[in-house]
Amino acid sequence: MYTPEQLCKTIRSVYPDVGACGENIKTCFDPDNMAWVVQLKHGNRKLSTYVDPEDATPCMDGKQCLSLGLQIFQLKDNLGFRGGSS
């Protein structure tokens, strides 16, 4: 297993424009849902998504980030990212 900080750094490596870990990106593992919770903040808006470990682990292992990347892309799009970070 990996830490929330490691997951956040991986998300930033795929999407460096989302901002800083702990500020614009928050990650934690939700044991009740057996999934990672990823929250993005852009301006005054925040959105969260659940990421299954099966989707995050390949990216964390340096193999492929398609599933995790798509989920973060959708969060960014829903928050109105137009490049740059807030």
Protein backbone atom coordinates (compact mmCIF):
# COMPACT_ATOMS: atom_id res chain seq x y z
CA MET A 1 0.00 0.00 0.00
CA TYR A 2 1.09 3.58 -0.45
CA THR A 3 0.51 6.75 1.54
CA PRO A 4 -1.86 9.64 0.82
CA GLU A 5 1.21 11.81 0.22
CA GLN A 6 2.57 9.39 -2.38
CA LEU A 7 -0.79 9.31 -4.17
CA CYS A 8 -0.95 13.09 -4.17
CA LYS A 9 2.56 13.37 -5.62
CA THR A 10 1.62 10.91 -8.35
CA ILE A 11 -1.49 12.93 -9.21
CA ARG A 12 0.67 16.06 -9.39
CA SER A 13 3.11 14.26 -11.70
CA VAL A 14 0.24 13.59 -14.12
CA TYR A 15 -1.46 16.99 -13.63
CA PRO A 16 1.08 19.51 -12.31
CA ASP A 17 -1.40 22.36 -12.82
CA VAL A 18 -3.80 21.17 -10.10
CA GLY A 19 -1.85 22.85 -7.32
CA ALA A 20 -0.18 21.79 -4.12
CA CYS A 21 -0.66 18.66 -2.05
CA GLY A 22 -2.51 19.42 1.17
CA GLU A 23 -3.79 22.69 -0.27
CA ASN A 24 -5.44 22.06 -3.65
CA ILE A 25 -5.24 18.27 -3.54
CA LYS A 26 -6.22 16.18 -0.55
CA THR A 27 -6.10 12.41 -0.48
CA CYS A 28 -7.06 9.85 2.15
CA PHE A 29 -8.09 6.23 2.27
CA ASP A 30 -11.70 5.57 3.25
CA PRO A 31 -11.78 2.11 4.91
CA ASP A 32 -15.59 2.02 4.90
CA ASN A 33 -15.66 2.22 1.10
CA MET A 34 -12.28 0.54 0.59
CA ALA A 35 -11.32 3.36 -1.78
CA TRP A 36 -9.15 6.44 -1.95
CA VAL A 37 -10.87 9.80 -1.64
CA VAL A 38 -9.33 12.49 -3.82
CA GLN A 39 -10.49 16.07 -3.30
CA LEU A 40 -9.53 18.89 -5.64
CA LYS A 41 -9.96 22.54 -4.80
CA HIS A 42 -9.99 25.29 -7.42
CA GLY A 43 -10.79 28.77 -6.21
CA ASN A 44 -13.68 28.47 -3.76
CA ARG A 45 -14.94 25.20 -5.23
CA LYS A 46 -14.15 21.67 -4.04
CA LEU A 47 -15.07 18.31 -5.53
CA SER A 48 -14.23 14.79 -4.43
CA THR A 49 -14.17 11.39 -6.06
CA TYR A 50 -13.58 7.85 -4.91
CA VAL A 51 -10.73 6.02 -6.60
CA ASP A 52 -10.61 2.24 -6.35
CA PRO A 53 -7.21 0.91 -5.34
CA GLU A 54 -7.32 -1.21 -8.52
CA ASP A 55 -7.34 2.04 -10.53
CA ALA A 56 -4.68 3.82 -8.49
CA THR A 57 -2.18 0.99 -7.93
CA PRO A 58 -1.03 0.58 -11.56
CA CYS A 59 -0.29 4.30 -11.69
CA MET A 60 1.51 4.17 -8.35
CA ASP A 61 3.55 1.25 -9.70
CA GLY A 62 4.59 3.34 -12.71
CA LYS A 63 2.70 1.15 -15.17
CA GLN A 64 -0.30 3.06 -16.50
CA CYS A 65 -2.34 5.97 -15.18
CA LEU A 66 -5.31 5.89 -17.53
CA SER A 67 -8.07 5.18 -14.98
CA LEU A 68 -6.70 7.51 -12.29
CA GLY A 69 -5.89 10.16 -14.89
CA LEU A 70 -9.41 10.10 -16.32
CA GLN A 71 -10.98 10.53 -12.89
CA ILE A 72 -8.75 13.50 -12.07
CA PHE A 73 -9.38 14.99 -15.52
CA GLN A 74 -13.14 14.81 -14.89
CA LEU A 75 -12.73 16.55 -11.50
CA LYS A 76 -10.62 19.27 -13.12
CA ASP A 77 -13.17 19.74 -15.89
CA ASN A 78 -16.07 19.94 -13.43
CA LEU A 79 -14.17 22.52 -11.38
CA GLY A 80 -13.50 24.68 -14.43
CA PHE A 81 -9.72 24.39 -14.65
CA ARG A 82 -8.54 26.36 -17.66
CA GLY A 83 -4.85 25.95 -17.01
CA GLY A 84 -2.81 27.19 -14.07
CA SER A 85 -3.72 26.59 -10.45
CA SER A 86 -5.64 28.51 -7.83
